[in-house]
Amino acid sequence: MVVQEVRKRLKNSNCFYSSPTIFAATPVVVFFHAKDESYLSATIPKRISVFEAIQEEQQTRRLSLSSDPIKVTLPDRKVKEGKKWQKTLFDVAREISKNLANNALIYKVNGLLWDMNRPLEEDSLLQMFKFDDDEGRDTFWNSSAHILGQPLETEYECKLCIGPCTTREEGFYYTLLR
């Protein structure tokens, strides 16, 4: 119901106001301008092409790397065994519990934030973050902003300008032109 209302307002208005319950913790006002079809037609396929090329290159490279054994140290100091370039953070979470795998949003691996699907490269010390943690919430809002941005570009022919800004305690936003 909310999505249908948003679509209706986006298509029928030069100004769109979203209530705090739709996308973010704070109200959002978006002003639309003239469409730029050539921008979207050139930019979106180029982004997809670049992403697919990088993804294929990384997958090919990983196949050539050694899968030596590694040790993964959890926050409670328990150690899990795995293989380089094969075990992902999602695999580690799933081994601990299905609930953790479903609720963990991001990890710190040796002090750096890593995506859940990235394979481990070496012996690692892990920290896990859920939505209740600042790192987890920031990651969720950042990803949500990107998910919101994709249909705004492809379905509503908007140009994304500033964002995705994630502000603790306030949510996320994009500024855009249409």
C-alpha atoms as a PDB file:
ATOM      1  CA  MET A   1       0.000   0.000   0.000  1.00  0.00           C
ATOM      2  CA  VAL A   2       2.762   2.467   0.932  1.00  0.00           C
ATOM      3  CA  VAL A   3       4.784   1.649  -2.200  1.00  0.00           C
ATOM      4  CA  GLN A   4       1.745   2.224  -4.438  1.00  0.00           C
ATOM      5  CA  GLU A   5       1.098   5.593  -2.800  1.00  0.00           C
ATOM      6  CA  VAL A   6       4.758   6.613  -3.227  1.00  0.00           C
ATOM      7  CA  ARG A   7       4.666   5.645  -6.910  1.00  0.00           C
ATOM      8  CA  LYS A   8       1.441   7.597  -7.432  1.00  0.00           C
ATOM      9  CA  ARG A   9       2.867  10.711  -5.764  1.00  0.00           C
ATOM     10  CA  LEU A  10       6.154  10.471  -7.651  1.00  0.00           C
ATOM     11  CA  LYS A  11       4.406  10.230 -11.018  1.00  0.00           C
ATOM     12  CA  ASN A  12       1.775  12.908 -10.382  1.00  0.00           C
ATOM     13  CA  SER A  13       3.711  15.607  -8.558  1.00  0.00           C
ATOM     14  CA  ASN A  14       6.589  18.015  -8.940  1.00  0.00           C
ATOM     15  CA  CYS A  15       7.187  17.825  -5.198  1.00  0.00           C
ATOM     16  CA  PHE A  16       7.009  14.718  -3.049  1.00  0.00           C
ATOM     17  CA  TYR A  17       6.817  14.639   0.732  1.00  0.00           C
ATOM     18  CA  SER A  18       7.349  11.341   2.513  1.00  0.00           C
ATOM     19  CA  SER A  19       6.096  10.868   6.025  1.00  0.00           C
ATOM     20  CA  PRO A  20       8.660   9.726   8.603  1.00  0.00           C
ATOM     21  CA  THR A  21       7.261   6.172   8.461  1.00  0.00           C
ATOM     22  CA  ILE A  22       7.914   5.554   4.756  1.00  0.00           C
ATOM     23  CA  PHE A  23      11.676   5.726   4.114  1.00  0.00           C
ATOM     24  CA  ALA A  24      13.474   7.492   6.918  1.00  0.00           C
ATOM     25  CA  ALA A  25      13.165   8.624  10.491  1.00  0.00           C
ATOM     26  CA  THR A  26      12.755  12.232   9.316  1.00  0.00           C
ATOM     27  CA  PRO A  27      10.453  13.723   6.666  1.00  0.00           C
ATOM     28  CA  VAL A  28      11.851  14.065   3.143  1.00  0.00           C
ATOM     29  CA  VAL A  29      10.960  16.627   0.491  1.00  0.00           C
ATOM     30  CA  VAL A  30      12.111  15.933  -3.063  1.00  0.00           C
ATOM     31  CA  PHE A  31      11.887  18.474  -5.895  1.00  0.00           C
ATOM     32  CA  PHE A  32      11.854  17.193  -9.472  1.00  0.00           C
ATOM     33  CA  HIS A  33      13.263  18.868 -12.563  1.00  0.00           C
ATOM     34  CA  ALA A  34      13.251  18.114 -16.283  1.00  0.00           C
ATOM     35  CA  LYS A  35      14.087  14.512 -17.233  1.00  0.00           C
ATOM     36  CA  ASP A  36      17.448  13.646 -18.663  1.00  0.00           C
ATOM     37  CA  GLU A  37      16.875  10.389 -20.548  1.00  0.00           C
ATOM     38  CA  SER A  38      20.315  10.387 -22.172  1.00  0.00           C
ATOM     39  CA  TYR A  39      22.021  10.494 -18.747  1.00  0.00           C
ATOM     40  CA  LEU A  40      20.151   7.444 -17.500  1.00  0.00           C
ATOM     41  CA  SER A  41      20.465   5.572 -20.798  1.00  0.00           C
ATOM     42  CA  ALA A  42      24.248   5.981 -20.762  1.00  0.00           C
ATOM     43  CA  THR A  43      24.996   5.719 -17.050  1.00  0.00           C
ATOM     44  CA  ILE A  44      23.005   2.734 -15.840  1.00  0.00           C
ATOM     45  CA  PRO A  45      24.154   0.180 -18.476  1.00  0.00           C
ATOM     46  CA  LYS A  46      27.743   1.404 -17.992  1.00  0.00           C
ATOM     47  CA  ARG A  47      27.530   0.845 -14.210  1.00  0.00           C
ATOM     48  CA  ILE A  48      26.124  -2.653 -14.708  1.00  0.00           C
ATOM     49  CA  SER A  49      28.809  -3.497 -17.269  1.00  0.00           C
ATOM     50  CA  VAL A  50      31.643  -2.276 -15.024  1.00  0.00           C
ATOM     51  CA  PHE A  51      30.257  -4.184 -12.039  1.00  0.00           C
ATOM     52  CA  GLU A  52      29.893  -7.431 -14.023  1.00  0.00           C
ATOM     53  CA  ALA A  53      33.437  -7.136 -15.434  1.00  0.00           C
ATOM     54  CA  ILE A  54      34.942  -6.561 -11.970  1.00  0.00           C
ATOM     55  CA  GLN A  55      32.904  -9.410 -10.494  1.00  0.00           C
ATOM     56  CA  GLU A  56      34.022 -11.851 -13.193  1.00  0.00           C
ATOM     57  CA  GLU A  57      37.663 -10.784 -12.809  1.00  0.00           C
ATOM     58  CA  GLN A  58      37.525 -11.297  -9.025  1.00  0.00           C
ATOM     59  CA  GLN A  59      35.880 -14.718  -9.326  1.00  0.00           C
ATOM     60  CA  THR A  60      38.503 -15.870 -11.830  1.00  0.00           C
ATOM     61  CA  ARG A  61      41.322 -14.586  -9.605  1.00  0.00           C
ATOM     62  CA  ARG A  62      39.930 -16.343  -6.518  1.00  0.00           C
ATOM     63  CA  LEU A  63      39.902 -19.694  -8.330  1.00  0.00           C
ATOM     64  CA  SER A  64      43.674 -19.406  -8.831  1.00  0.00           C
ATOM     65  CA  LEU A  65      44.477 -18.652  -5.172  1.00  0.00           C
ATOM     66  CA  SER A  66      45.525 -21.260  -2.622  1.00  0.00           C
ATOM     67  CA  SER A  67      42.908 -22.495  -0.181  1.00  0.00           C
ATOM     68  CA  ASP A  68      45.224 -22.943   2.801  1.00  0.00           C
ATOM     69  CA  PRO A  69      43.626 -23.563   6.216  1.00  0.00           C
ATOM     70  CA  ILE A  70      42.827 -20.503   8.352  1.00  0.00           C
ATOM     71  CA  LYS A  71      41.604 -19.881  11.898  1.00  0.00           C
ATOM     72  CA  VAL A  72      38.716 -17.540  12.587  1.00  0.00           C
ATOM     73  CA  THR A  73      38.590 -16.165  16.140  1.00  0.00           C
ATOM     74  CA  LEU A  74      35.130 -15.128  17.348  1.00  0.00           C
ATOM     75  CA  PRO A  75      34.392 -12.397  19.926  1.00  0.00           C
ATOM     76  CA  ASP A  76      34.047 -15.059  22.660  1.00  0.00           C
ATOM     77  CA  ARG A  77      37.545 -16.329  21.686  1.00  0.00           C
ATOM     78  CA  LYS A  78      36.204 -19.584  20.203  1.00  0.00           C
ATOM     79  CA  VAL A  79      38.040 -20.562  17.026  1.00  0.00           C
ATOM     80  CA  LYS A  80      36.449 -21.828  13.798  1.00  0.00           C
ATOM     81  CA  GLU A  81      38.435 -23.558  11.061  1.00  0.00           C
ATOM     82  CA  GLY A  82      38.129 -22.671   7.400  1.00  0.00           C
ATOM     83  CA  LYS A  83      39.939 -22.311   4.095  1.00  0.00           C
ATOM     84  CA  LYS A  84      41.296 -19.130   2.522  1.00  0.00           C
ATOM     85  CA  TRP A  85      39.131 -17.656  -0.237  1.00  0.00           C
ATOM     86  CA  GLN A  86      36.352 -20.193   0.415  1.00  0.00           C
ATOM     87  CA  LYS A  87      34.806 -19.469   3.820  1.00  0.00           C
ATOM     88  CA  THR A  88      32.694 -16.301   4.003  1.00  0.00           C
ATOM     89  CA  LEU A  89      31.497 -14.378   7.032  1.00  0.00           C
ATOM     90  CA  PHE A  90      27.969 -15.579   6.292  1.00  0.00           C
ATOM     91  CA  ASP A  91      29.271 -19.176   6.480  1.00  0.00           C
ATOM     92  CA  VAL A  92      30.796 -18.449   9.900  1.00  0.00           C
ATOM     93  CA  ALA A  93      27.544 -16.903  11.174  1.00  0.00           C
ATOM     94  CA  ARG A  94      25.470 -19.829   9.837  1.00  0.00           C
ATOM     95  CA  GLU A  95      27.751 -22.306  11.649  1.00  0.00           C
ATOM     96  CA  ILE A  96      27.083 -20.473  14.921  1.00  0.00           C
ATOM     97  CA  SER A  97      23.296 -20.152  14.485  1.00  0.00           C
ATOM     98  CA  LYS A  98      20.698 -19.595  11.800  1.00  0.00           C
ATOM     99  CA  ASN A  99      19.372 -16.633  13.808  1.00  0.00           C
ATOM    100  CA  LEU A 100      22.784 -14.951  13.807  1.00  0.00           C
ATOM    101  CA  ALA A 101      23.177 -15.528  10.065  1.00  0.00           C
ATOM    102  CA  ASN A 102      19.772 -13.909   9.497  1.00  0.00           C
ATOM    103  CA  ASN A 103      20.417 -10.908  11.770  1.00  0.00           C
ATOM    104  CA  ALA A 104      24.105 -10.047  11.366  1.00  0.00           C
ATOM    105  CA  LEU A 105      24.547  -7.127   8.947  1.00  0.00           C
ATOM    106  CA  ILE A 106      28.294  -6.586   8.795  1.00  0.00           C
ATOM    107  CA  TYR A 107      31.526  -7.749  10.421  1.00  0.00           C
ATOM    108  CA  LYS A 108      34.827  -6.260  11.407  1.00  0.00           C
ATOM    109  CA  VAL A 109      37.639  -8.518  10.256  1.00  0.00           C
ATOM    110  CA  ASN A 110      40.948  -7.642  11.892  1.00  0.00           C
ATOM    111  CA  GLY A 111      39.569  -4.151  12.592  1.00  0.00           C
ATOM    112  CA  LEU A 112      38.114  -3.420   9.113  1.00  0.00           C
ATOM    113  CA  LEU A 113      34.435  -3.573   8.076  1.00  0.00           C
ATOM    114  CA  TRP A 114      33.682  -6.412   5.636  1.00  0.00           C
ATOM    115  CA  ASP A 115      30.629  -7.482   3.698  1.00  0.00           C
ATOM    116  CA  MET A 116      29.013 -10.783   4.772  1.00  0.00           C
ATOM    117  CA  ASN A 117      29.704 -12.481   1.420  1.00  0.00           C
ATOM    118  CA  ARG A 118      33.380 -11.621   1.169  1.00  0.00           C
ATOM    119  CA  PRO A 119      35.639 -14.664   1.518  1.00  0.00           C
ATOM    120  CA  LEU A 120      38.210 -14.661   4.312  1.00  0.00           C
ATOM    121  CA  GLU A 121      41.811 -14.204   3.199  1.00  0.00           C
ATOM    122  CA  GLU A 122      43.823 -15.013   6.338  1.00  0.00           C
ATOM    123  CA  ASP A 123      43.584 -15.875  10.032  1.00  0.00           C
ATOM    124  CA  SER A 124      41.004 -13.427  11.329  1.00  0.00           C
ATOM    125  CA  LEU A 125      39.617 -11.852  14.473  1.00  0.00           C
ATOM    126  CA  LEU A 126      35.892 -11.147  14.012  1.00  0.00           C
ATOM    127  CA  GLN A 127      33.375  -8.717  15.480  1.00  0.00           C
ATOM    128  CA  MET A 128      29.730  -9.105  14.427  1.00  0.00           C
ATOM    129  CA  PHE A 129      27.218  -6.242  14.162  1.00  0.00           C
ATOM    130  CA  LYS A 130      23.410  -6.297  14.095  1.00  0.00           C
ATOM    131  CA  PHE A 131      20.940  -3.438  13.590  1.00  0.00           C
ATOM    132  CA  ASP A 132      21.143  -2.617  17.316  1.00  0.00           C
ATOM    133  CA  ASP A 133      24.816  -1.659  16.889  1.00  0.00           C
ATOM    134  CA  ASP A 134      25.894   1.663  15.309  1.00  0.00           C
ATOM    135  CA  GLU A 135      27.950  -0.132  12.634  1.00  0.00           C
ATOM    136  CA  GLY A 136      25.063  -2.452  11.778  1.00  0.00           C
ATOM    137  CA  ARG A 137      22.500   0.356  11.609  1.00  0.00           C
ATOM    138  CA  ASP A 138      24.813   2.557   9.500  1.00  0.00           C
ATOM    139  CA  THR A 139      25.365  -0.348   7.096  1.00  0.00           C
ATOM    140  CA  PHE A 140      21.632  -1.090   6.884  1.00  0.00           C
ATOM    141  CA  TRP A 141      20.759   2.530   6.149  1.00  0.00           C
ATOM    142  CA  ASN A 142      23.540   2.873   3.566  1.00  0.00           C
ATOM    143  CA  SER A 143      22.395  -0.267   1.763  1.00  0.00           C
ATOM    144  CA  SER A 144      18.748   0.836   2.008  1.00  0.00           C
ATOM    145  CA  ALA A 145      19.602   4.161   0.404  1.00  0.00           C
ATOM    146  CA  HIS A 146      21.259   2.352  -2.519  1.00  0.00           C
ATOM    147  CA  ILE A 147      18.225   0.073  -2.859  1.00  0.00           C
ATOM    148  CA  LEU A 148      15.994   3.167  -2.913  1.00  0.00           C
ATOM    149  CA  GLY A 149      18.292   4.888  -5.426  1.00  0.00           C
ATOM    150  CA  GLN A 150      18.176   2.088  -8.019  1.00  0.00           C
ATOM    151  CA  PRO A 151      14.420   2.289  -8.784  1.00  0.00           C
ATOM    152  CA  LEU A 152      14.509   6.083  -8.551  1.00  0.00           C
ATOM    153  CA  GLU A 153      17.018   6.014 -11.442  1.00  0.00           C
ATOM    154  CA  THR A 154      15.522   3.188 -13.488  1.00  0.00           C
ATOM    155  CA  GLU A 155      11.772   3.571 -12.896  1.00  0.00           C
ATOM    156  CA  TYR A 156      11.380   7.318 -12.286  1.00  0.00           C
ATOM    157  CA  GLU A 157      14.308   8.554 -14.410  1.00  0.00           C
ATOM    158  CA  CYS A 158      15.811  10.592 -11.570  1.00  0.00           C
ATOM    159  CA  LYS A 159      19.441  11.663 -11.300  1.00  0.00           C
ATOM    160  CA  LEU A 160      20.911  10.902  -7.888  1.00  0.00           C
ATOM    161  CA  CYS A 161      22.857  13.867  -6.512  1.00  0.00           C
ATOM    162  CA  ILE A 162      23.890  13.671  -2.870  1.00  0.00           C
ATOM    163  CA  GLY A 163      23.709  10.525  -0.765  1.00  0.00           C
ATOM    164  CA  PRO A 164      23.403   8.064   0.556  1.00  0.00           C
ATOM    165  CA  CYS A 165      23.927   9.976   3.736  1.00  0.00           C
ATOM    166  CA  THR A 166      23.431   7.927   6.864  1.00  0.00           C
ATOM    167  CA  THR A 167      23.031   9.931  10.013  1.00  0.00           C
ATOM    168  CA  ARG A 168      22.895   8.108  13.309  1.00  0.00           C
ATOM    169  CA  GLU A 169      19.495   8.378  14.951  1.00  0.00           C
ATOM    170  CA  GLU A 170      18.010   9.989  11.795  1.00  0.00           C
ATOM    171  CA  GLY A 171      18.084   7.452   8.937  1.00  0.00           C
ATOM    172  CA  PHE A 172      19.170   8.072   5.363  1.00  0.00           C
ATOM    173  CA  TYR A 173      18.356  10.178   2.312  1.00  0.00           C
ATOM    174  CA  TYR A 174      19.192  10.923  -1.299  1.00  0.00           C
ATOM    175  CA  THR A 175      18.823  14.256  -3.038  1.00  0.00           C
ATOM    176  CA  LEU A 176      17.867  13.877  -6.667  1.00  0.00           C
ATOM    177  CA  LEU A 177      16.803  15.641  -9.828  1.00  0.00           C
ATOM    178  CA  ARG A 178      13.996  14.584 -12.096  1.00  0.00           C
END
